[in-house]
């Protein structure tokens, strides 16, 4: 889809390939090597977004999934742990303090 959309806007072919790689490799659940700084940035941004979406993750656990209090809390903590472990070295250093504070609040 990205190829077709970007082609309509006359994007350069090399940029289209780069955008496609970013889309393909951005999720932490996809364990593919990040071959460009753009891919790394998009993948990190995806993981980092979870630290700014804690209320949404809690909603997912308690309302959408109907989890009990402790199970929901563990679900969110585990999601954040996995996201933090998938960050690049640079982003890990930068977001360590925020990660620690969020985890402290969740207990």
N, C-alpha and C. Protein backbone atom coordinates (compact mmCIF):
# COMPACT_ATOMS: atom_id res chain seq x y z
N UNK A 1 0.82 -1.19 0.00
CA UNK A 1 0.00 0.00 0.00
C UNK A 1 0.87 1.26 0.00
N UNK A 2 1.93 1.23 0.81
CA UNK A 2 2.80 2.40 0.90
C UNK A 2 3.39 2.72 -0.46
N UNK A 3 3.80 1.69 -1.17
CA UNK A 3 4.39 1.91 -2.51
C UNK A 3 3.40 2.63 -3.41
N UNK A 4 2.17 2.14 -3.46
CA UNK A 4 1.16 2.74 -4.33
C UNK A 4 0.84 4.17 -3.94
N UNK A 5 0.69 4.40 -2.65
CA UNK A 5 0.35 5.75 -2.17
C UNK A 5 1.49 6.72 -2.45
N UNK A 6 2.71 6.33 -2.11
CA UNK A 6 3.85 7.23 -2.32
C UNK A 6 4.14 7.45 -3.79
N UNK A 7 3.91 6.44 -4.61
CA UNK A 7 4.11 6.59 -6.05
C UNK A 7 3.15 7.65 -6.61
N UNK A 8 1.92 7.68 -6.08
CA UNK A 8 0.95 8.69 -6.50
C UNK A 8 1.44 10.10 -6.21
N UNK A 9 2.23 10.24 -5.13
CA UNK A 9 2.77 11.55 -4.74
C UNK A 9 4.17 11.79 -5.32
N UNK A 10 4.54 10.96 -6.28
CA UNK A 10 5.82 11.10 -6.99
C UNK A 10 7.04 11.03 -6.08
N UNK A 11 6.95 10.18 -5.02
CA UNK A 11 8.12 9.98 -4.16
C UNK A 11 9.21 9.28 -4.95
N UNK A 12 10.43 9.58 -4.59
CA UNK A 12 11.60 8.94 -5.17
C UNK A 12 11.56 7.44 -4.84
N UNK A 13 11.94 6.61 -5.79
CA UNK A 13 11.91 5.16 -5.61
C UNK A 13 12.72 4.67 -4.43
N UNK A 14 13.90 5.27 -4.22
CA UNK A 14 14.74 4.86 -3.09
C UNK A 14 14.07 5.20 -1.75
N UNK A 15 13.39 6.34 -1.71
CA UNK A 15 12.68 6.71 -0.48
C UNK A 15 11.51 5.77 -0.22
N UNK A 16 10.85 5.35 -1.27
CA UNK A 16 9.74 4.41 -1.12
C UNK A 16 10.23 3.11 -0.50
N UNK A 17 11.36 2.61 -0.97
CA UNK A 17 11.94 1.38 -0.42
C UNK A 17 12.27 1.58 1.06
N UNK A 18 12.81 2.74 1.41
CA UNK A 18 13.15 3.03 2.80
C UNK A 18 11.89 3.08 3.67
N UNK A 19 10.84 3.73 3.19
CA UNK A 19 9.58 3.79 3.93
C UNK A 19 9.01 2.38 4.11
N UNK A 20 9.06 1.58 3.08
CA UNK A 20 8.55 0.21 3.19
C UNK A 20 9.33 -0.58 4.24
N UNK A 21 10.63 -0.41 4.29
CA UNK A 21 11.45 -1.10 5.30
C UNK A 21 11.10 -0.63 6.70
N UNK A 22 10.87 0.66 6.85
CA UNK A 22 10.48 1.20 8.17
C UNK A 22 9.17 0.60 8.63
N UNK A 23 8.22 0.51 7.73
CA UNK A 23 6.92 -0.06 8.07
C UNK A 23 7.07 -1.54 8.44
N UNK A 24 7.81 -2.26 7.66
CA UNK A 24 7.99 -3.70 7.88
C UNK A 24 8.70 -4.00 9.20
N UNK A 25 9.67 -3.18 9.57
CA UNK A 25 10.53 -3.48 10.71
C UNK A 25 10.22 -2.68 11.97
N UNK A 26 9.16 -1.91 12.00
CA UNK A 26 8.96 -1.01 13.14
C UNK A 26 8.48 -1.72 14.39
N UNK A 27 7.79 -2.81 14.27
CA UNK A 27 7.23 -3.47 15.46
C UNK A 27 8.28 -4.33 16.14
N UNK A 28 8.30 -4.25 17.45
CA UNK A 28 9.23 -5.04 18.22
C UNK A 28 9.00 -6.54 18.09
N UNK A 29 7.76 -6.92 17.78
CA UNK A 29 7.46 -8.34 17.62
C UNK A 29 8.05 -8.90 16.33
N UNK A 30 8.49 -8.00 15.46
CA UNK A 30 9.15 -8.42 14.23
C UNK A 30 10.65 -8.31 14.47
N UNK A 31 11.30 -9.44 14.61
CA UNK A 31 12.72 -9.44 14.96
C UNK A 31 13.59 -9.41 13.71
N UNK A 32 13.52 -8.33 12.99
CA UNK A 32 14.34 -8.16 11.80
C UNK A 32 15.39 -7.09 12.08
N UNK A 33 16.53 -7.24 11.44
CA UNK A 33 17.61 -6.27 11.63
C UNK A 33 17.20 -4.91 11.08
N UNK A 34 17.47 -3.89 11.86
CA UNK A 34 17.22 -2.52 11.42
C UNK A 34 18.45 -2.07 10.64
N UNK A 35 18.29 -1.86 9.35
CA UNK A 35 19.44 -1.56 8.50
C UNK A 35 19.66 -0.08 8.25
N UNK A 36 18.77 0.75 8.71
CA UNK A 36 18.96 2.19 8.52
C UNK A 36 18.60 2.90 9.81
N UNK A 37 19.09 4.10 9.94
CA UNK A 37 18.77 4.92 11.12
C UNK A 37 17.27 5.22 11.15
N UNK A 38 16.67 5.33 10.00
CA UNK A 38 15.22 5.58 9.94
C UNK A 38 14.45 4.40 10.51
N UNK A 39 14.85 3.18 10.14
CA UNK A 39 14.18 1.99 10.67
C UNK A 39 14.33 1.92 12.18
N UNK A 40 15.52 2.21 12.67
CA UNK A 40 15.78 2.19 14.10
C UNK A 40 14.94 3.23 14.83
N UNK A 41 14.86 4.42 14.27
CA UNK A 41 14.07 5.50 14.90
C UNK A 41 12.59 5.15 14.95
N UNK A 42 12.06 4.62 13.88
CA UNK A 42 10.63 4.27 13.85
C UNK A 42 10.35 3.13 14.83
N UNK A 43 11.22 2.13 14.87
CA UNK A 43 11.04 1.01 15.80
C UNK A 43 11.11 1.50 17.24
N UNK A 44 12.08 2.36 17.54
CA UNK A 44 12.18 2.92 18.89
C UNK A 44 10.95 3.75 19.24
N UNK A 45 10.48 4.54 18.29
CA UNK A 45 9.31 5.38 18.54
C UNK A 45 8.09 4.52 18.86
N UNK A 46 7.95 3.41 18.18
CA UNK A 46 6.83 2.51 18.45
C UNK A 46 6.90 1.98 19.88
N UNK A 47 8.08 1.55 20.31
CA UNK A 47 8.24 1.03 21.67
C UNK A 47 8.08 2.15 22.70
N UNK A 48 8.66 3.30 22.44
CA UNK A 48 8.60 4.43 23.37
C UNK A 48 7.16 4.91 23.57
N UNK A 49 6.36 4.81 22.53
CA UNK A 49 4.98 5.29 22.63
C UNK A 49 4.20 4.60 23.75
N UNK A 50 4.60 3.39 24.09
CA UNK A 50 3.91 2.67 25.15
C UNK A 50 4.08 3.35 26.51
N UNK A 51 5.20 4.03 26.72
CA UNK A 51 5.43 4.70 28.00
C UNK A 51 4.57 5.96 28.14
N UNK A 52 4.08 6.47 27.03
CA UNK A 52 3.18 7.63 27.06
C UNK A 52 1.73 7.19 26.93
N UNK A 53 1.50 5.88 26.87
CA UNK A 53 0.15 5.35 26.68
C UNK A 53 -0.26 4.42 27.80
N UNK A 54 0.29 4.62 28.98
CA UNK A 54 -0.04 3.74 30.11
C UNK A 54 -1.54 3.71 30.39
N UNK A 55 -2.23 4.86 30.40
CA UNK A 55 -3.69 4.78 30.62
C UNK A 55 -4.38 3.92 29.55
N UNK A 56 -3.94 4.03 28.32
CA UNK A 56 -4.53 3.21 27.26
C UNK A 56 -4.24 1.73 27.46
N UNK A 57 -3.04 1.41 27.94
CA UNK A 57 -2.70 0.02 28.21
C UNK A 57 -3.53 -0.52 29.38
N UNK A 58 -3.75 0.32 30.39
CA UNK A 58 -4.59 -0.09 31.51
C UNK A 58 -6.04 -0.31 31.06
N UNK A 59 -6.52 0.56 30.18
CA UNK A 59 -7.86 0.40 29.62
C UNK A 59 -7.95 -0.93 28.86
N UNK A 60 -6.93 -1.21 28.06
CA UNK A 60 -6.89 -2.46 27.31
C UNK A 60 -6.98 -3.66 28.26
N UNK A 61 -6.19 -3.61 29.34
CA UNK A 61 -6.17 -4.72 30.28
C UNK A 61 -7.49 -4.89 31.02
N UNK A 62 -7.99 -3.78 31.58
CA UNK A 62 -9.15 -3.88 32.47
C UNK A 62 -10.49 -3.86 31.76
N UNK A 63 -10.62 -3.03 30.75
CA UNK A 63 -11.92 -2.89 30.08
C UNK A 63 -12.03 -3.85 28.90
N UNK A 64 -11.07 -3.77 28.00
CA UNK A 64 -11.15 -4.59 26.80
C UNK A 64 -10.96 -6.07 27.10
N UNK A 65 -9.93 -6.38 27.90
CA UNK A 65 -9.64 -7.78 28.20
C UNK A 65 -10.33 -8.28 29.46
N UNK A 66 -10.91 -7.38 30.25
CA UNK A 66 -11.64 -7.77 31.45
C UNK A 66 -10.79 -8.42 32.53
N UNK A 67 -9.54 -8.03 32.63
CA UNK A 67 -8.63 -8.63 33.60
C UNK A 67 -8.90 -8.14 35.02
N UNK A 68 -8.54 -8.97 35.99
CA UNK A 68 -8.58 -8.57 37.39
C UNK A 68 -7.45 -7.57 37.64
N UNK A 69 -7.48 -6.90 38.78
CA UNK A 69 -6.53 -5.83 39.09
C UNK A 69 -5.08 -6.29 38.94
N UNK A 70 -4.67 -7.32 39.64
CA UNK A 70 -3.27 -7.76 39.62
C UNK A 70 -2.86 -8.28 38.24
N UNK A 71 -3.73 -9.03 37.62
CA UNK A 71 -3.43 -9.57 36.28
C UNK A 71 -3.25 -8.44 35.28
N UNK A 72 -4.11 -7.43 35.36
CA UNK A 72 -3.99 -6.28 34.46
C UNK A 72 -2.73 -5.50 34.68
N UNK A 73 -2.38 -5.32 35.95
CA UNK A 73 -1.15 -4.60 36.28
C UNK A 73 0.06 -5.35 35.74
N UNK A 74 0.08 -6.66 35.90
CA UNK A 74 1.19 -7.47 35.39
C UNK A 74 1.24 -7.46 33.86
N UNK A 75 0.07 -7.47 33.24
CA UNK A 75 0.00 -7.39 31.78
C UNK A 75 0.67 -6.12 31.29
N UNK A 76 0.34 -4.99 31.91
CA UNK A 76 0.91 -3.70 31.50
C UNK A 76 2.40 -3.66 31.80
N UNK A 77 2.80 -4.11 32.96
CA UNK A 77 4.22 -4.11 33.31
C UNK A 77 5.03 -4.97 32.34
N UNK A 78 4.51 -6.13 32.00
CA UNK A 78 5.21 -7.01 31.06
C UNK A 78 5.31 -6.39 29.67
N UNK A 79 4.25 -5.73 29.25
CA UNK A 79 4.27 -5.04 27.95
C UNK A 79 5.36 -3.97 27.94
N UNK A 80 5.43 -3.20 29.02
CA UNK A 80 6.43 -2.14 29.12
C UNK A 80 7.84 -2.72 29.21
N UNK A 81 8.01 -3.81 29.92
CA UNK A 81 9.33 -4.46 30.00
C UNK A 81 9.78 -4.91 28.62
N UNK A 82 8.89 -5.57 27.90
CA UNK A 82 9.25 -6.03 26.55
C UNK A 82 9.59 -4.85 25.64
N UNK A 83 8.81 -3.79 25.74
CA UNK A 83 9.07 -2.60 24.91
C UNK A 83 10.42 -2.00 25.25
N UNK A 84 10.72 -1.90 26.53
CA UNK A 84 11.99 -1.31 26.96
C UNK A 84 13.17 -2.15 26.48
N UNK A 85 13.04 -3.46 26.53
CA UNK A 85 14.12 -4.35 26.11
C UNK A 85 14.38 -4.30 24.61
N UNK A 86 13.42 -3.82 23.84
CA UNK A 86 13.56 -3.76 22.40
C UNK A 86 14.16 -2.44 21.90
N UNK A 87 14.36 -1.50 22.82
CA UNK A 87 14.92 -0.20 22.42
C UNK A 87 16.38 -0.31 22.04
N UNK A 88 16.80 0.61 21.20
CA UNK A 88 18.23 0.71 20.87
C UNK A 88 19.00 1.11 22.12
N UNK A 89 20.30 0.95 22.08
CA UNK A 89 21.15 1.32 23.21
C UNK A 89 20.97 2.79 23.55
N UNK A 90 20.94 3.64 22.54
CA UNK A 90 20.80 5.08 22.77
C UNK A 90 19.47 5.41 23.43
N UNK A 91 18.40 4.84 22.93
CA UNK A 91 17.08 5.10 23.50
C UNK A 91 16.93 4.50 24.89
N UNK A 92 17.56 3.35 25.11
CA UNK A 92 17.52 2.74 26.44
C UNK A 92 18.10 3.69 27.48
N UNK A 93 19.24 4.27 27.16
CA UNK A 93 19.86 5.22 28.10
C UNK A 93 18.96 6.43 28.31
N UNK A 94 18.39 6.94 27.24
CA UNK A 94 17.59 8.16 27.30
C UNK A 94 16.29 7.94 28.09
N UNK A 95 15.67 6.77 27.93
CA UNK A 95 14.36 6.52 28.53
C UNK A 95 14.41 5.70 29.82
N UNK A 96 15.59 5.37 30.31
CA UNK A 96 15.72 4.55 31.53
C UNK A 96 15.00 5.19 32.71
N UNK A 97 15.19 6.48 32.92
CA UNK A 97 14.56 7.15 34.05
C UNK A 97 13.03 7.10 33.95
N UNK A 98 12.50 7.38 32.77
CA UNK A 98 11.04 7.35 32.58
C UNK A 98 10.51 5.93 32.79
N UNK A 99 11.22 4.95 32.26
CA UNK A 99 10.82 3.55 32.44
C UNK A 99 10.78 3.21 33.92
N UNK A 100 11.84 3.55 34.64
CA UNK A 100 11.90 3.25 36.07
C UNK A 100 10.75 3.91 36.83
N UNK A 101 10.43 5.14 36.48
CA UNK A 101 9.34 5.85 37.18
C UNK A 101 7.98 5.23 36.88
N UNK A 102 7.74 4.88 35.64
CA UNK A 102 6.47 4.25 35.29
C UNK A 102 6.34 2.91 36.01
N UNK A 103 7.41 2.13 36.03
CA UNK A 103 7.37 0.84 36.70
C UNK A 103 7.18 1.00 38.21
N UNK A 104 7.75 2.04 38.77
CA UNK A 104 7.58 2.32 40.20
C UNK A 104 6.13 2.63 40.52
N UNK A 105 5.49 3.44 39.68
CA UNK A 105 4.09 3.79 39.88
C UNK A 105 3.20 2.53 39.80
N UNK A 106 3.53 1.64 38.87
CA UNK A 106 2.74 0.42 38.73
C UNK A 106 3.00 -0.58 39.85
N UNK A 107 4.11 -0.36 40.57
CA UNK A 107 4.42 -1.20 41.74
C UNK A 107 4.88 -2.53 41.35
